[in-house]
């Protein structure tokens, strides 16, 4: 295992780890790279790769790491180069490994006082809130745990690396977020500390992605339009909005137009030399276009997503390119998402529109195949023959009928591990291994969500959090209900109206709400981070009823659920 204790990787050859994945680990040793004595890139200190631009009287940080602890380690390395103060931070997009470590470089007080600018695309705050605990944060947090293998040891039979960087674990109390002070839509030309910057919106991995061009030095920071020395995640198995590959490779073409002499990715090592930069950018976009175009071509011949997974692969000249190894993204997974993104879930067979519920279908299949014992015996034969995929499929029928059938669960767990050991795409490998843990009764933890940390939600406006509450309304319990509440949170005022199964958000109260409550923003953050509740705040006195009755307030709050990942299983179902 790597000696990098902050962000360990597994880097010893093993029969249960593809050699290429080990070679990929070995490029992740912590190092600060010098780019034309103007920009410095810290790779291997965390999942992200923070960059520093040295200006006349200050420094600009591009993409803090995923937690404050790791970002402070980067800052220590940067301080060996210069002691100039931080004057600006650029978020290239909203993902945690580009935002959550910001407080190592900037304090909320310095930002509020105007001593440090925070720059992003105008949609970044929206996407931050969308993945908070008021949105899909709960289920996404659990799926993150599987994707990043957070309960797996760093070992041959566990986490190897994280594809675009080393280990991704972070301490719960070491994550933060400071809202941008300057945003833009398409482009932004700005001079900071004597350095001319051209910021360009380049939707790709994220819809809010921005690249940074230093025209005087021919340095291009590609953000995650280039995800590092591996095939990009055209889609994540943890769950993301559709990433249109066509949009992605066209953004790469925009970056090619600069004729950069230095390329600095948000993950991985820099590239030096105009010809080398162009070759990487061209090959990277060609890889994306090839997968997309061939998927579309075969879709037009009537093939379904499951069929396409076995039909589309990179040609040799791209598959063997050092920037396109399938250590992060996996083509067979991406083609299925392209199908869904372009055509939706329906494969054309009406049988799949309203299928027999999974448990009932499993029960009927077991009966047709001769019963549980016969199917389990066939699954064992498949495993003995090395046909682990078929073994996993067969045992799934048994487990769906009886979640407590440990014999079937342990066999499927064995199948999951054996399949996982063959995978080069690290997140898919992690998912197989975490599924095995779940089947053995050692379910991975709940992971993290954007709304899981008060220091993160502190950067969200109160209205952004409260707007998301509508997704937590118990719709079936409120079909005959009409009750409204106005909120006053440190100067922000808004309202929620429960009306026959929906909760409508109002930017401003109407003055006719049934209940008006007042609550400090830090306590609202604690509610959304599941550290307290509205009811407890009312009991303790931090939530005050300004108008209306206590009974109506309690009734209102009782109609919203605050989901946690406890009890959710992804493999046993």
Protein backbone atom coordinates (compact mmCIF):
# COMPACT_ATOMS: atom_id res chain seq x y z
CA UNK A 1 0.00 0.00 0.00
CA UNK A 2 1.15 3.50 -0.71
CA UNK A 3 2.91 5.33 2.08
CA UNK A 4 0.72 8.37 1.46
CA UNK A 5 -1.26 8.02 4.70
CA UNK A 6 -3.49 10.98 3.98
CA UNK A 7 -4.74 9.49 0.72
CA UNK A 8 -3.64 5.88 0.50
CA UNK A 9 -3.82 3.75 -2.62
CA UNK A 10 -3.10 0.07 -3.10
CA UNK A 11 -0.13 -0.33 -5.42
CA UNK A 12 1.16 -3.90 -5.15
CA UNK A 13 0.42 -6.41 -7.90
CA UNK A 14 -2.12 -9.04 -6.92
CA UNK A 15 -3.98 -11.85 -8.72
CA UNK A 16 -7.28 -10.25 -7.68
CA UNK A 17 -6.46 -6.79 -9.06
CA UNK A 18 -5.96 -6.06 -12.78
CA UNK A 19 -2.34 -5.01 -13.37
CA UNK A 20 -3.42 -1.83 -15.14
CA UNK A 21 -5.31 -0.67 -12.08
CA UNK A 22 -2.18 -1.05 -9.96
CA UNK A 23 -0.13 0.86 -12.54
CA UNK A 24 -2.79 3.56 -12.35
CA UNK A 25 -2.33 3.79 -8.57
CA UNK A 26 1.38 4.37 -9.02
CA UNK A 27 0.91 7.70 -10.80
CA UNK A 28 -0.89 9.13 -7.75
CA UNK A 29 2.05 9.82 -5.46
CA UNK A 30 1.66 13.31 -3.94
CA UNK A 31 3.51 15.94 -5.94
CA UNK A 32 3.31 19.65 -6.73
CA UNK A 33 3.82 20.28 -10.45
CA UNK A 34 5.25 23.57 -11.77
CA UNK A 35 3.56 25.01 -14.85
CA UNK A 36 5.57 27.88 -16.35
CA UNK A 37 6.41 29.30 -12.90
CA UNK A 38 2.90 30.74 -12.81
CA UNK A 39 0.58 27.87 -11.93
CA UNK A 40 1.21 24.97 -9.57
CA UNK A 41 -0.86 21.78 -9.38
CA UNK A 42 -1.10 19.58 -6.28
CA UNK A 43 -1.92 16.01 -7.36
CA UNK A 44 -2.19 13.05 -4.99
CA UNK A 45 -3.17 15.05 -1.89
CA UNK A 46 -6.84 14.15 -2.21
CA UNK A 47 -9.37 13.17 -4.80
CA UNK A 48 -9.21 16.64 -6.31
CA UNK A 49 -6.11 18.44 -7.58
CA UNK A 50 -6.06 22.05 -6.36
CA UNK A 51 -4.16 24.53 -8.50
CA UNK A 52 -2.49 27.78 -7.48
CA UNK A 53 -1.92 30.80 -9.72
CA UNK A 54 0.73 33.20 -8.40
CA UNK A 55 -0.17 36.84 -8.97
CA UNK A 56 1.57 40.12 -8.19
CA UNK A 57 0.35 40.43 -4.62
CA UNK A 58 -1.73 37.35 -4.04
CA UNK A 59 -2.61 33.84 -5.15
CA UNK A 60 -5.65 32.37 -6.85
CA UNK A 61 -6.78 28.88 -5.90
CA UNK A 62 -8.63 26.74 -8.42
CA UNK A 63 -10.70 23.92 -6.88
CA UNK A 64 -10.17 23.30 -3.17
CA UNK A 65 -9.98 19.63 -2.24
CA UNK A 66 -12.80 17.54 -0.79
CA UNK A 67 -12.21 18.42 2.85
CA UNK A 68 -10.47 21.05 4.89
CA UNK A 69 -7.85 18.66 6.27
CA UNK A 70 -6.60 17.69 2.81
CA UNK A 71 -6.77 21.26 1.54
CA UNK A 72 -4.62 22.43 4.46
CA UNK A 73 -2.03 19.87 3.46
CA UNK A 74 -2.08 21.33 -0.05
CA UNK A 75 -1.77 24.85 1.34
CA UNK A 76 1.30 23.78 3.33
CA UNK A 77 2.87 22.54 0.10
CA UNK A 78 1.96 25.77 -1.72
CA UNK A 79 3.43 27.84 1.14
CA UNK A 80 6.84 26.37 0.30
CA UNK A 81 6.53 28.25 -3.01
CA UNK A 82 5.01 31.56 -1.90
CA UNK A 83 3.57 33.26 1.18
CA UNK A 84 1.32 35.61 -0.76
CA UNK A 85 -2.24 35.75 0.57
CA UNK A 86 -5.19 34.06 -1.10
CA UNK A 87 -7.16 36.71 -2.98
CA UNK A 88 -9.56 34.52 -4.98
CA UNK A 89 -10.93 30.99 -5.17
CA UNK A 90 -12.44 29.55 -8.35
CA UNK A 91 -14.88 26.64 -8.20
CA UNK A 92 -14.84 24.92 -11.59
CA UNK A 93 -18.04 23.03 -10.67
CA UNK A 94 -20.14 22.05 -7.68
CA UNK A 95 -18.79 18.57 -6.86
CA UNK A 96 -17.56 18.08 -3.32
CA UNK A 97 -13.93 17.45 -4.29
CA UNK A 98 -13.79 20.93 -5.84
CA UNK A 99 -15.60 22.85 -3.13
CA UNK A 100 -15.73 21.27 0.33
CA UNK A 101 -12.14 22.14 1.32
CA UNK A 102 -12.55 25.86 0.67
CA UNK A 103 -12.21 26.93 4.32
CA UNK A 104 -8.57 25.91 4.34
CA UNK A 105 -7.95 28.73 1.83
CA UNK A 106 -10.63 31.26 2.72
CA UNK A 107 -12.67 32.15 5.78
CA UNK A 108 -16.29 33.31 5.57
CA UNK A 109 -15.18 36.51 7.30
CA UNK A 110 -12.52 37.32 4.69
CA UNK A 111 -14.99 36.61 1.90
CA UNK A 112 -17.69 38.75 3.52
CA UNK A 113 -15.19 41.59 3.93
CA UNK A 114 -14.24 41.44 0.24
CA UNK A 115 -10.66 40.36 0.84
CA UNK A 116 -11.23 37.11 -1.08
CA UNK A 117 -13.47 36.56 -4.11
CA UNK A 118 -15.23 33.25 -4.72
CA UNK A 119 -15.94 32.76 -8.44
CA UNK A 120 -18.16 30.15 -10.15
CA UNK A 121 -20.73 29.63 -12.87
CA UNK A 122 -24.08 31.16 -12.03
CA UNK A 123 -25.78 27.76 -11.64
CA UNK A 124 -23.37 26.33 -9.08
CA UNK A 125 -25.44 27.35 -6.01
CA UNK A 126 -28.51 25.71 -7.57
CA UNK A 127 -26.73 22.39 -8.10
CA UNK A 128 -25.23 22.51 -4.61
CA UNK A 129 -28.70 22.82 -3.11
CA UNK A 130 -30.17 20.23 -5.47
CA UNK A 131 -27.91 17.54 -4.01
CA UNK A 132 -28.44 18.63 -0.43
CA UNK A 133 -30.49 16.85 2.19
CA UNK A 134 -33.56 18.65 0.90
CA UNK A 135 -33.16 16.94 -2.48
CA UNK A 136 -31.76 13.51 -3.29
CA UNK A 137 -29.05 13.75 -0.65
CA UNK A 138 -30.14 10.73 1.38
CA UNK A 139 -30.17 8.10 -1.36
CA UNK A 140 -27.23 9.70 -3.15
CA UNK A 141 -25.23 9.61 0.08
CA UNK A 142 -25.78 5.88 0.38
CA UNK A 143 -24.92 5.30 -3.26
CA UNK A 144 -21.77 7.40 -2.78
CA UNK A 145 -20.73 5.01 -0.03
CA UNK A 146 -20.89 2.08 -2.44
CA UNK A 147 -19.30 3.98 -5.31
CA UNK A 148 -16.29 5.18 -3.36
CA UNK A 149 -16.01 2.00 -1.27
CA UNK A 150 -15.92 3.98 1.93
CA UNK A 151 -16.27 0.92 4.15
CA UNK A 152 -13.71 -1.12 2.23
CA UNK A 153 -10.11 -1.41 3.44
CA UNK A 154 -7.28 -0.14 1.27
CA UNK A 155 -6.17 -3.59 0.16
CA UNK A 156 -6.14 -5.97 -2.77
CA UNK A 157 -9.66 -7.11 -1.83
CA UNK A 158 -10.85 -3.56 -1.12
CA UNK A 159 -10.23 0.01 -2.32
CA UNK A 160 -7.41 0.37 -4.82
CA UNK A 161 -7.70 4.03 -5.79
CA UNK A 162 -10.49 6.30 -6.89
CA UNK A 163 -9.80 6.43 -10.61
CA UNK A 164 -9.23 10.15 -10.97
CA UNK A 165 -7.27 10.38 -7.74
CA UNK A 166 -6.40 8.53 -4.55
CA UNK A 167 -8.60 7.94 -1.53
CA UNK A 168 -11.77 9.99 -1.14
CA UNK A 169 -12.59 9.62 2.55
CA UNK A 170 -13.15 12.77 4.57
CA UNK A 171 -13.95 13.73 8.12
CA UNK A 172 -17.54 14.85 8.70
CA UNK A 173 -16.53 17.99 10.53
CA UNK A 174 -13.89 19.03 8.00
CA UNK A 175 -16.17 19.94 5.10
CA UNK A 176 -17.41 23.42 4.28
CA UNK A 177 -18.82 25.65 1.60
CA UNK A 178 -18.74 29.40 1.00
CA UNK A 179 -21.18 30.76 -1.54
CA UNK A 180 -19.75 32.49 -4.64
CA UNK A 181 -19.42 36.26 -4.64
CA UNK A 182 -19.01 36.56 -8.42
CA UNK A 183 -20.79 34.41 -11.01
CA UNK A 184 -21.23 34.51 -14.77
CA UNK A 185 -23.15 32.75 -17.55
CA UNK A 186 -21.00 32.23 -20.69
CA UNK A 187 -17.63 33.94 -20.27
CA UNK A 188 -15.86 36.15 -17.80
CA UNK A 189 -12.72 38.17 -18.49
CA UNK A 190 -11.13 39.37 -15.30
CA UNK A 191 -7.73 40.44 -13.99
CA UNK A 192 -6.85 39.33 -10.48
CA UNK A 193 -3.58 40.31 -8.83
CA UNK A 194 -2.19 41.29 -12.22
CA UNK A 195 -3.10 37.98 -13.90
CA UNK A 196 -5.48 38.04 -16.88
CA UNK A 197 -8.02 35.23 -16.75
CA UNK A 198 -10.59 34.11 -19.29
CA UNK A 199 -13.26 31.89 -17.75
CA UNK A 200 -15.40 29.87 -20.11
CA UNK A 201 -18.56 27.86 -19.51
CA UNK A 202 -17.93 24.34 -20.86
CA UNK A 203 -20.79 21.98 -19.87
CA UNK A 204 -19.51 18.43 -19.79
CA UNK A 205 -19.14 16.31 -16.67
CA UNK A 206 -21.30 18.94 -14.94
CA UNK A 207 -23.70 21.49 -16.33
CA UNK A 208 -21.94 24.27 -14.42
CA UNK A 209 -18.39 23.37 -15.53
CA UNK A 210 -15.99 26.25 -16.25
CA UNK A 211 -12.47 26.21 -17.68
CA UNK A 212 -9.76 28.79 -16.94
CA UNK A 213 -7.47 30.19 -19.65
CA UNK A 214 -4.38 32.28 -18.91
CA UNK A 215 -3.75 33.96 -22.29
CA UNK A 216 -0.44 35.55 -21.31
CA UNK A 217 1.05 32.20 -20.35
CA UNK A 218 -0.81 29.82 -22.71
CA UNK A 219 -1.97 27.78 -19.70
CA UNK A 220 -5.34 26.02 -19.89
CA UNK A 221 -7.04 24.62 -16.81
CA UNK A 222 -9.54 22.19 -18.26
CA UNK A 223 -11.58 21.62 -15.10
CA UNK A 224 -13.21 18.20 -15.40
CA UNK A 225 -13.82 18.45 -19.09
CA UNK A 226 -10.71 16.30 -18.92
CA UNK A 227 -11.09 13.96 -15.94
CA UNK A 228 -7.49 12.85 -15.78
CA UNK A 229 -5.54 9.93 -17.20
CA UNK A 230 -8.53 7.62 -17.61
CA UNK A 231 -11.70 7.32 -19.65
CA UNK A 232 -14.21 9.85 -18.35
CA UNK A 233 -17.32 9.04 -16.41
CA UNK A 234 -19.86 9.81 -19.10
CA UNK A 235 -22.32 8.67 -16.46
CA UNK A 236 -21.88 7.67 -12.83
CA UNK A 237 -23.40 4.53 -11.39
CA UNK A 238 -24.00 6.43 -8.16
CA UNK A 239 -26.54 8.55 -10.04
CA UNK A 240 -26.23 11.85 -11.85
CA UNK A 241 -28.21 13.94 -14.27
CA UNK A 242 -27.72 12.89 -17.88
CA UNK A 243 -24.30 13.96 -19.14
CA UNK A 244 -24.72 14.53 -22.84
CA UNK A 245 -21.56 13.17 -24.54
CA UNK A 246 -22.15 15.31 -27.61
CA UNK A 247 -22.13 18.45 -25.48
CA UNK A 248 -19.03 17.16 -23.71
CA UNK A 249 -16.86 16.59 -26.77
CA UNK A 250 -17.96 19.91 -28.27
CA UNK A 251 -16.75 21.60 -25.09
CA UNK A 252 -13.42 19.85 -25.64
CA UNK A 253 -13.32 21.35 -29.12
CA UNK A 254 -13.74 24.79 -27.56
CA UNK A 255 -10.70 24.09 -25.38
CA UNK A 256 -8.68 22.91 -28.38
CA UNK A 257 -9.23 26.28 -30.05
CA UNK A 258 -6.97 28.05 -27.53
CA UNK A 259 -3.84 26.32 -28.77
CA UNK A 260 -2.62 25.88 -25.19
CA UNK A 261 1.01 25.08 -24.46
CA UNK A 262 0.20 23.74 -21.01
CA UNK A 263 -2.83 21.68 -19.97
CA UNK A 264 -3.81 21.41 -16.31
CA UNK A 265 -6.67 18.99 -15.54
CA UNK A 266 -8.77 19.06 -12.38
CA UNK A 267 -7.54 15.51 -11.72
CA UNK A 268 -4.23 14.01 -12.69
CA UNK A 269 -0.94 15.38 -13.97
CA UNK A 270 -0.35 18.32 -16.30
CA UNK A 271 0.66 18.07 -19.95
CA UNK A 272 3.47 20.20 -21.38
CA UNK A 273 3.91 21.29 -25.00
CA UNK A 274 1.41 22.53 -27.61
CA UNK A 275 1.48 19.35 -29.70
CA UNK A 276 1.13 17.08 -26.67
CA UNK A 277 -1.82 19.11 -25.36
CA UNK A 278 -3.60 18.97 -28.70
CA UNK A 279 -2.99 15.22 -28.98
CA UNK A 280 -4.50 14.56 -25.54
CA UNK A 281 -7.51 16.80 -26.10
CA UNK A 282 -8.14 15.35 -29.57
CA UNK A 283 -7.86 11.73 -28.43
CA UNK A 284 -10.03 12.40 -25.39
CA UNK A 285 -12.82 13.96 -27.41
CA UNK A 286 -12.53 11.22 -30.05
CA UNK A 287 -12.99 8.57 -27.38
CA UNK A 288 -16.17 10.26 -26.17
CA UNK A 289 -17.53 10.82 -29.66
CA UNK A 290 -16.79 7.25 -30.72
CA UNK A 291 -18.77 5.78 -27.83
CA UNK A 292 -21.66 8.17 -28.35
CA UNK A 293 -21.87 7.86 -32.13
CA UNK A 294 -21.64 4.08 -32.19
CA UNK A 295 -24.26 3.78 -29.47
CA UNK A 296 -26.63 6.00 -31.43
CA UNK A 297 -25.92 4.08 -34.63
CA UNK A 298 -26.80 0.76 -33.02
CA UNK A 299 -29.83 2.24 -31.25
CA UNK A 300 -31.10 3.13 -34.70
CA UNK A 301 -30.83 -0.54 -35.61
CA UNK A 302 -33.20 -1.37 -32.75
CA UNK A 303 -30.76 -2.63 -30.09
CA UNK A 304 -31.70 -2.08 -26.45
CA UNK A 305 -29.55 -0.82 -23.60
CA UNK A 306 -28.76 -4.29 -22.28
CA UNK A 307 -27.73 -5.44 -25.75
CA UNK A 308 -25.59 -2.37 -26.34
CA UNK A 309 -23.61 -3.08 -23.17
CA UNK A 310 -22.07 -6.04 -25.00
CA UNK A 311 -21.64 -4.39 -28.39
CA UNK A 312 -19.81 -1.05 -28.04
CA UNK A 313 -16.12 -0.88 -27.14
CA UNK A 314 -13.28 1.54 -27.83
CA UNK A 315 -11.14 0.71 -30.88
CA UNK A 316 -7.57 -0.34 -30.14
CA UNK A 317 -5.90 3.01 -30.80
CA UNK A 318 -8.15 4.68 -28.24
CA UNK A 319 -8.44 1.81 -25.78
CA UNK A 320 -4.65 1.75 -25.44
CA UNK A 321 -4.24 5.51 -25.08
CA UNK A 322 -2.80 6.44 -21.68
CA UNK A 323 -5.56 9.01 -21.12
CA UNK A 324 -8.40 6.62 -21.95
CA UNK A 325 -7.88 3.54 -19.79
CA UNK A 326 -11.18 2.41 -18.25
CA UNK A 327 -10.11 3.00 -14.65
CA UNK A 328 -12.83 5.54 -13.93
CA UNK A 329 -15.48 5.37 -16.61
CA UNK A 330 -16.57 2.06 -18.16
CA UNK A 331 -17.88 2.05 -21.70
CA UNK A 332 -20.33 -0.81 -21.12
CA UNK A 333 -22.04 1.21 -18.40
CA UNK A 334 -22.04 4.47 -20.34
CA UNK A 335 -23.76 3.13 -23.45
CA UNK A 336 -26.73 2.12 -21.30
CA UNK A 337 -27.03 5.61 -19.88
CA UNK A 338 -26.80 7.10 -23.37
CA UNK A 339 -29.73 4.90 -24.36
CA UNK A 340 -31.75 6.09 -21.36
CA UNK A 341 -30.69 9.69 -21.79
CA UNK A 342 -31.77 9.76 -25.42
CA UNK A 343 -34.81 7.44 -25.40
CA UNK A 344 -35.78 7.00 -21.74
CA UNK A 345 -36.19 3.73 -19.83
CA UNK A 346 -38.66 2.08 -22.23
CA UNK A 347 -37.00 -0.52 -24.47
CA UNK A 348 -39.91 -0.82 -26.88
CA UNK A 349 -41.45 -4.02 -25.46
CA UNK A 350 -44.72 -3.03 -23.69
CA UNK A 351 -44.15 -5.92 -21.29
CA UNK A 352 -41.60 -3.72 -19.53
CA UNK A 353 -43.99 -0.80 -19.03
CA UNK A 354 -45.83 -2.37 -16.08
CA UNK A 355 -43.81 -5.46 -15.24
CA UNK A 356 -44.71 -7.98 -12.60
CA UNK A 357 -43.36 -6.63 -9.27
CA UNK A 358 -39.85 -7.98 -8.60
CA UNK A 359 -40.74 -10.15 -5.60
CA UNK A 360 -43.74 -11.73 -7.28
CA UNK A 361 -41.76 -12.25 -10.48
CA UNK A 362 -39.00 -13.96 -8.50
CA UNK A 363 -41.52 -16.22 -6.75
CA UNK A 364 -43.00 -17.34 -10.07
CA UNK A 365 -39.59 -17.86 -11.66
CA UNK A 366 -38.49 -20.05 -8.75
CA UNK A 367 -41.59 -22.19 -9.13
CA UNK A 368 -41.07 -22.58 -12.86
CA UNK A 369 -37.39 -23.49 -12.39
CA UNK A 370 -38.13 -26.24 -9.89
CA UNK A 371 -37.96 -24.38 -6.59
CA UNK A 372 -35.37 -22.81 -4.36
CA UNK A 373 -33.10 -25.83 -3.90
CA UNK A 374 -32.89 -26.57 -7.63
CA UNK A 375 -32.04 -22.96 -8.45
CA UNK A 376 -29.43 -22.76 -5.69
CA UNK A 377 -27.80 -25.96 -6.98
CA UNK A 378 -27.65 -24.48 -10.48
CA UNK A 379 -26.14 -21.30 -9.10
CA UNK A 380 -23.42 -23.34 -7.37
CA UNK A 381 -22.66 -25.14 -10.64
CA UNK A 382 -22.37 -21.80 -12.39
CA UNK A 383 -19.96 -20.56 -9.72
CA UNK A 384 -17.86 -23.71 -9.94
CA UNK A 385 -17.63 -23.14 -13.70
CA UNK A 386 -16.57 -19.52 -13.19
CA UNK A 387 -19.87 -18.18 -14.55
CA UNK A 388 -20.31 -15.78 -11.67
CA UNK A 389 -22.71 -13.43 -13.45
CA UNK A 390 -25.19 -16.26 -13.96
CA UNK A 391 -24.69 -17.41 -10.38
CA UNK A 392 -25.52 -13.91 -9.18
CA UNK A 393 -28.62 -13.70 -11.34
CA UNK A 394 -29.94 -17.06 -10.14
CA UNK A 395 -29.41 -16.34 -6.44
CA UNK A 396 -31.16 -12.98 -6.84
CA UNK A 397 -34.47 -14.81 -7.40
CA UNK A 398 -34.02 -16.69 -4.13
CA UNK A 399 -33.07 -13.61 -2.14
CA UNK A 400 -35.99 -11.58 -3.41
CA UNK A 401 -38.38 -14.23 -2.15
CA UNK A 402 -36.56 -14.61 1.16
CA UNK A 403 -34.16 -11.84 2.19
CA UNK A 404 -32.96 -13.97 5.13
CA UNK A 405 -31.78 -16.93 3.03
CA UNK A 406 -28.12 -16.70 4.06
CA UNK A 407 -27.05 -19.63 1.94
CA UNK A 408 -28.16 -17.81 -1.19
CA UNK A 409 -26.85 -14.49 0.09
CA UNK A 410 -23.37 -15.85 0.78
CA UNK A 411 -23.20 -17.46 -2.64
CA UNK A 412 -24.22 -14.23 -4.30
CA UNK A 413 -21.68 -12.37 -2.16
CA UNK A 414 -18.99 -14.73 -3.45
CA UNK A 415 -20.16 -14.04 -7.01
CA UNK A 416 -20.06 -10.29 -6.41
CA UNK A 417 -16.46 -10.44 -5.19
CA UNK A 418 -15.26 -12.61 -8.02
CA UNK A 419 -16.81 -10.28 -10.60
CA UNK A 420 -15.49 -7.23 -8.75
CA UNK A 421 -11.92 -8.54 -8.78
CA UNK A 422 -11.97 -8.48 -12.60
CA UNK A 423 -13.11 -4.87 -12.95
CA UNK A 424 -10.73 -2.06 -13.89
CA UNK A 425 -13.33 0.73 -13.52
CA UNK A 426 -12.83 1.41 -9.84
CA UNK A 427 -16.32 2.54 -8.93
CA UNK A 428 -17.88 -0.54 -10.49
CA UNK A 429 -15.34 -2.69 -8.66
CA UNK A 430 -16.19 -0.92 -5.39
CA UNK A 431 -19.91 -1.42 -5.94
CA UNK A 432 -19.52 -5.18 -6.44
CA UNK A 433 -17.41 -5.46 -3.29
CA UNK A 434 -19.81 -3.34 -1.23
CA UNK A 435 -22.72 -5.42 -2.49
CA UNK A 436 -20.89 -8.47 -1.12
CA UNK A 437 -20.63 -6.78 2.28
CA UNK A 438 -24.33 -6.00 2.26
CA UNK A 439 -25.21 -9.61 1.44
CA UNK A 440 -23.05 -10.77 4.35
CA UNK A 441 -24.86 -8.43 6.72
CA UNK A 442 -22.10 -5.83 6.84
CA UNK A 443 -23.83 -3.08 4.89
CA UNK A 444 -21.70 -0.07 3.97
CA UNK A 445 -22.39 3.11 5.86
CA UNK A 446 -24.65 5.94 4.79
CA UNK A 447 -21.87 7.87 3.10
CA UNK A 448 -22.14 11.61 2.73
CA UNK A 449 -24.51 14.09 1.16
CA UNK A 450 -24.10 17.76 0.34
CA UNK A 451 -26.51 18.62 3.08
CA UNK A 452 -24.86 16.48 5.73
CA UNK A 453 -22.54 19.14 7.13
CA UNK A 454 -23.61 22.39 8.84
CA UNK A 455 -20.50 24.13 7.48
CA UNK A 456 -21.78 23.27 3.98
CA UNK A 457 -25.43 24.22 4.43
CA UNK A 458 -24.27 27.46 6.07
CA UNK A 459 -23.43 28.59 2.54
CA UNK A 460 -26.93 27.80 1.26
CA UNK A 461 -29.61 30.52 1.49
CA UNK A 462 -32.46 29.63 3.81
CA UNK A 463 -34.88 29.87 0.90
CA UNK A 464 -32.87 27.27 -1.01
CA UNK A 465 -33.19 24.79 1.84
CA UNK A 466 -36.86 25.45 2.55
CA UNK A 467 -37.78 25.27 -1.13
CA UNK A 468 -36.55 21.67 -1.13
CA UNK A 469 -38.81 20.65 1.75
CA UNK A 470 -41.63 20.06 -0.72
CA UNK A 471 -39.92 16.83 -1.77
CA UNK A 472 -40.26 15.52 1.78
CA UNK A 473 -44.02 16.09 2.12
CA UNK A 474 -46.11 13.05 3.06
CA UNK A 475 -48.37 13.47 0.07
CA UNK A 476 -50.82 10.67 0.87
CA UNK A 477 -51.39 12.09 4.37
CA UNK A 478 -52.13 15.63 3.21
CA UNK A 479 -54.66 15.09 0.41
CA UNK A 480 -57.41 16.75 2.45
CA UNK A 481 -55.18 19.31 4.12
CA UNK A 482 -54.62 23.03 3.61
CA UNK A 483 -52.13 24.59 6.01
CA UNK A 484 -49.51 27.25 5.40
CA UNK A 485 -46.45 28.49 7.28
CA UNK A 486 -44.26 31.55 6.85
CA UNK A 487 -40.59 31.36 7.83
CA UNK A 488 -38.37 34.21 9.05
CA UNK A 489 -34.72 33.15 9.06
CA UNK A 490 -32.13 35.84 9.78
CA UNK A 491 -33.77 38.36 7.49
CA UNK A 492 -34.92 35.90 4.81
CA UNK A 493 -38.69 35.48 4.54
CA UNK A 494 -40.58 32.84 2.58
CA UNK A 495 -43.51 30.44 2.99
CA UNK A 496 -44.66 26.88 2.38
CA UNK A 497 -48.28 26.05 1.64
CA UNK A 498 -49.50 22.47 2.09
CA UNK A 499 -52.38 22.01 -0.30
CA UNK A 500 -53.94 18.65 -1.11
CA UNK A 501 -50.79 16.58 -1.32
CA UNK A 502 -48.29 19.20 -2.50
CA UNK A 503 -46.23 21.81 -0.70
CA UNK A 504 -45.98 24.99 -2.76
CA UNK A 505 -43.02 27.22 -2.02
CA UNK A 506 -43.58 30.98 -1.98
CA UNK A 507 -40.63 33.33 -2.36
CA UNK A 508 -42.39 35.83 -0.12
CA UNK A 509 -45.13 35.31 2.46
CA UNK A 510 -48.61 36.43 1.47
CA UNK A 511 -49.42 37.66 4.97
CA UNK A 512 -52.28 35.17 5.20
CA UNK A 513 -50.29 32.14 6.46
CA UNK A 514 -51.80 30.10 9.28
CA UNK A 515 -48.51 30.05 11.19
CA UNK A 516 -45.47 32.32 11.22
CA UNK A 517 -42.23 31.04 12.76
CA UNK A 518 -38.81 32.58 13.37
CA UNK A 519 -35.60 30.54 13.47
CA UNK A 520 -31.87 31.41 13.40
CA UNK A 521 -30.07 30.18 10.27
CA UNK A 522 -27.55 28.00 12.18
CA UNK A 523 -30.45 26.07 13.72
CA UNK A 524 -32.11 25.67 10.33
CA UNK A 525 -28.82 24.21 9.08
CA UNK A 526 -28.81 21.72 11.95
CA UNK A 527 -32.36 20.65 11.05
CA UNK A 528 -31.40 19.97 7.44
CA UNK A 529 -28.26 18.12 8.55
CA UNK A 530 -30.41 15.86 10.75
CA UNK A 531 -28.67 17.13 13.91
CA UNK A 532 -31.95 18.39 15.37
CA UNK A 533 -35.58 18.87 14.31
CA UNK A 534 -38.10 21.69 14.04
CA UNK A 535 -40.02 20.14 16.92
CA UNK A 536 -36.95 20.09 19.16
CA UNK A 537 -36.07 23.67 18.22
CA UNK A 538 -39.60 24.66 19.22
CA UNK A 539 -39.27 22.80 22.50
CA UNK A 540 -35.90 24.40 23.27
CA UNK A 541 -37.05 27.88 22.30
CA UNK A 542 -34.80 28.65 19.30
CA UNK A 543 -37.85 28.33 17.00
CA UNK A 544 -40.43 30.93 17.97
CA UNK A 545 -44.06 31.08 16.92
CA UNK A 546 -44.71 34.66 15.85
CA UNK A 547 -48.31 34.07 14.78
CA UNK A 548 -50.69 31.11 14.83
CA UNK A 549 -50.95 28.19 17.22
CA UNK A 550 -48.39 25.74 18.52
CA UNK A 551 -50.74 22.90 17.55
CA UNK A 552 -50.87 24.00 13.90
CA UNK A 553 -47.09 24.39 13.85
CA UNK A 554 -46.57 20.87 15.15
CA UNK A 555 -49.17 19.51 12.72
CA UNK A 556 -47.37 21.26 9.83
CA UNK A 557 -43.96 19.85 10.77
CA UNK A 558 -45.36 16.35 11.26
CA UNK A 559 -46.33 16.15 7.59
CA UNK A 560 -42.73 16.15 6.40
CA UNK A 561 -40.45 13.14 6.67
CA UNK A 562 -36.70 13.43 7.12
CA UNK A 563 -35.33 10.31 5.48
CA UNK A 564 -32.11 8.63 6.49
CA UNK A 565 -30.23 5.84 4.80
CA UNK A 566 -30.77 3.54 7.77
CA UNK A 567 -32.49 0.37 6.64
CA UNK A 568 -32.11 1.03 2.92
CA UNK A 569 -30.52 -1.85 1.05
CA UNK A 570 -29.41 -1.67 -2.55
CA UNK A 571 -28.56 -5.32 -3.26
CA UNK A 572 -30.96 -7.24 -1.01
CA UNK A 573 -34.37 -6.39 -2.37
